[in-house]
Amino acid sequence: MEMSTDLILNHRQITSKITRLAWQIFENNMDEETIWIAGIDQRGMDIADLITAELSKISQQQIRVMSIVIDRKNFEPNFFSDHSLSDLKDAVVIVVDDVLNSGKTIFSAMLPMLQHQVAKIQVAVLASRSHRLFPVRADFVGISMATTLQEHLNFDNSNPADLKLTLS
């Protein structure tokens, strides 16, 4: 039996949500000299890049980008950046992912940042579900949806000119 797929957000709606997320991040951190944007895995990094582009349009702040790749076997994060991670000391970090479900992925990504004595960690997601198993909440949310455990929200970034968020 084939599962149906429902379009939740189309490209235009996602673009609008990203712009709103960028403004919220700016408004909540306007006194900061530097903001780190940390995208989780490929889909989170795609959202992080879009947010970074929007922040660059509205802010004179220095934006530093970091990619976090989660090893799904043991949920260990690997950090990649053009900047030294020691620069995270006293920094504001926005952890970005496509969908917040249980909170495990974001929680795993945040824990090592504490070793670098960050000043503040905030979370931005395109979509948030209501199935928290870990103490993580998003500070900036594009859309919140209550879904069943059997349903899945999928951010389709296979065509950058036609981004989609679907429910299956």
Protein backbone atom coordinates (compact mmCIF):
# COMPACT_ATOMS: atom_id res chain seq x y z
CA MET A 1 0.00 0.00 0.00
CA GLU A 2 1.41 3.38 -1.04
CA MET A 3 1.46 6.17 1.54
CA SER A 4 -0.01 9.50 0.52
CA THR A 5 2.08 12.64 0.68
CA ASP A 6 0.55 16.01 1.53
CA LEU A 7 2.26 19.28 0.72
CA ILE A 8 2.59 21.33 3.92
CA LEU A 9 4.78 24.22 2.68
CA ASN A 10 5.66 25.10 -0.89
CA HIS A 11 8.79 26.94 -2.02
CA ARG A 12 7.28 30.42 -1.62
CA GLN A 13 5.99 29.60 1.87
CA ILE A 14 9.36 28.17 2.92
CA THR A 15 11.12 31.30 1.64
CA SER A 16 8.72 33.43 3.65
CA LYS A 17 9.30 31.33 6.79
CA ILE A 18 13.08 31.61 6.36
CA THR A 19 12.85 35.41 6.08
CA ARG A 20 10.74 35.52 9.25
CA LEU A 21 13.16 33.22 11.09
CA ALA A 22 16.10 35.46 10.10
CA TRP A 23 14.31 38.56 11.38
CA GLN A 24 13.47 36.85 14.67
CA ILE A 25 17.08 35.74 15.11
CA PHE A 26 18.28 39.26 14.36
CA GLU A 27 15.77 40.88 16.73
CA ASN A 28 16.71 38.51 19.55
CA ASN A 29 20.45 39.00 19.01
CA MET A 30 20.78 42.51 17.61
CA ASP A 31 23.33 43.57 20.24
CA GLU A 32 25.69 40.72 19.37
CA GLU A 33 28.77 41.44 17.29
CA THR A 34 28.95 37.89 15.93
CA ILE A 35 26.35 35.16 15.49
CA TRP A 36 27.27 31.57 14.73
CA ILE A 37 24.81 29.65 12.55
CA ALA A 38 25.25 25.87 12.96
CA GLY A 39 23.37 23.64 10.51
CA ILE A 40 22.79 19.99 11.37
CA ASP A 41 23.41 17.48 8.58
CA GLN A 42 22.59 18.39 4.98
CA ARG A 43 18.98 19.51 5.35
CA GLY A 44 19.72 21.59 8.44
CA MET A 45 22.71 23.10 6.65
CA ASP A 46 20.51 24.02 3.70
CA ILE A 47 18.14 25.86 6.07
CA ALA A 48 21.16 27.45 7.84
CA ASP A 49 22.52 28.73 4.51
CA LEU A 50 19.16 30.29 3.65
CA ILE A 51 18.94 31.95 7.08
CA THR A 52 22.53 33.19 6.77
CA ALA A 53 21.77 34.75 3.39
CA GLU A 54 18.73 36.55 4.85
CA LEU A 55 20.66 37.70 7.93
CA SER A 56 23.35 39.12 5.68
CA LYS A 57 20.70 41.29 3.98
CA ILE A 58 19.31 42.76 7.21
CA SER A 59 22.29 42.87 9.57
CA GLN A 60 25.82 44.19 9.70
CA GLN A 61 26.76 41.50 12.22
CA GLN A 62 29.51 39.04 11.50
CA ILE A 63 27.89 35.70 10.66
CA ARG A 64 30.00 32.58 11.10
CA VAL A 65 28.76 29.31 9.72
CA MET A 66 29.39 25.84 11.09
CA SER A 67 28.25 22.46 9.80
CA ILE A 68 27.44 19.71 12.27
CA VAL A 69 27.35 16.17 10.96
CA ILE A 70 25.79 13.66 13.34
CA ASP A 71 27.12 10.10 13.33
CA ARG A 72 23.77 8.28 13.54
CA LYS A 73 25.33 5.14 15.01
CA ASN A 74 26.34 6.77 18.30
CA PHE A 75 24.89 10.30 17.90
CA GLU A 76 28.34 11.89 18.08
CA PRO A 77 28.55 15.29 16.35
CA ASN A 78 31.42 16.30 14.08
CA PHE A 79 31.94 20.05 13.65
CA PHE A 80 33.19 21.72 10.46
CA SER A 81 33.92 25.44 10.09
CA ASP A 82 36.32 27.86 8.44
CA HIS A 83 36.78 29.35 11.91
CA SER A 84 38.32 27.89 15.04
CA LEU A 85 35.81 26.33 17.40
CA SER A 86 37.69 28.00 20.25
CA ASP A 87 36.03 31.19 18.92
CA LEU A 88 32.77 29.84 20.33
CA LYS A 89 33.78 31.11 23.79
CA ASP A 90 31.17 33.68 24.87
CA ALA A 91 29.48 33.40 21.46
CA VAL A 92 25.83 33.14 20.47
CA VAL A 93 25.11 29.98 18.49
CA ILE A 94 21.92 29.30 16.55
CA VAL A 95 21.57 25.55 15.98
CA VAL A 96 19.50 24.97 12.83
CA ASP A 97 17.68 21.85 11.68
CA ASP A 98 14.88 21.13 9.26
CA VAL A 99 12.50 19.28 11.59
CA LEU A 100 12.48 19.04 15.39
CA ASN A 101 10.98 15.70 16.34
CA SER A 102 12.25 13.96 19.48
CA GLY A 103 15.02 16.49 20.18
CA LYS A 104 17.77 13.82 20.24
CA THR A 105 19.69 15.13 17.23
CA ILE A 106 19.69 18.75 18.39
CA PHE A 107 20.51 17.73 21.97
CA SER A 108 23.49 15.71 20.69
CA ALA A 109 24.71 18.67 18.65
CA MET A 110 24.47 21.14 21.55
CA LEU A 111 26.23 19.22 24.32
CA PRO A 112 29.82 19.57 23.01
CA MET A 113 29.30 23.31 22.50
CA LEU A 114 29.10 23.73 26.25
CA GLN A 115 32.76 22.69 26.50
CA HIS A 116 33.59 25.83 24.50
CA GLN A 117 31.76 28.05 27.03
CA VAL A 118 29.25 29.55 24.63
CA ALA A 119 27.21 32.47 25.95
CA LYS A 120 23.90 31.33 24.49
CA ILE A 121 22.53 28.52 22.34
CA GLN A 122 19.25 28.99 20.50
CA VAL A 123 17.44 26.59 18.18
CA ALA A 124 15.82 27.41 14.83
CA VAL A 125 13.82 24.86 12.85
CA LEU A 126 11.66 24.98 9.76
CA ALA A 127 9.13 22.63 11.37
CA SER A 128 8.49 21.43 14.90
CA ARG A 129 6.56 18.30 15.81
CA SER A 130 5.21 17.45 19.24
CA HIS A 131 7.10 14.26 20.11
CA ARG A 132 9.81 15.46 22.51
CA LEU A 133 11.84 12.80 24.25
CA PHE A 134 14.72 15.16 25.10
CA PRO A 135 14.57 18.57 26.81
CA VAL A 136 14.86 20.61 23.63
CA ARG A 137 12.53 23.31 22.40
CA ALA A 138 12.93 25.54 19.39
CA ASP A 139 13.31 29.29 19.95
CA PHE A 140 12.49 30.06 16.32
CA VAL A 141 9.95 27.92 14.45
CA GLY A 142 8.69 28.19 10.88
CA ILE A 143 5.67 25.95 11.46
CA SER A 144 4.47 23.79 14.37
CA MET A 145 2.49 20.64 13.66
CA ALA A 146 1.00 17.98 15.84
CA THR A 147 1.49 14.69 14.01
CA THR A 148 1.08 11.04 14.86
CA LEU A 149 4.14 8.92 15.50
CA GLN A 150 3.52 7.15 12.18
CA GLU A 151 3.55 10.40 10.18
CA HIS A 152 6.76 12.05 9.00
CA LEU A 153 7.57 15.61 8.00
CA ASN A 154 10.04 15.67 5.13
CA PHE A 155 12.01 18.70 3.97
CA ASP A 156 12.70 18.12 0.27
CA ASN A 157 15.81 20.04 -0.74
CA SER A 158 16.62 17.93 -3.81
CA ASN A 159 15.77 20.88 -6.07
CA PRO A 160 16.94 24.19 -4.48
CA ALA A 161 14.60 26.10 -6.80
CA ASP A 162 11.59 24.14 -5.54
CA LEU A 163 11.90 23.44 -1.80
CA LYS A 164 9.02 21.54 -0.18
CA LEU A 165 7.88 20.36 3.22
CA THR A 166 5.62 17.34 3.01
CA LEU A 167 3.77 15.08 5.41
CA SER A 168 3.69 11.36 4.73
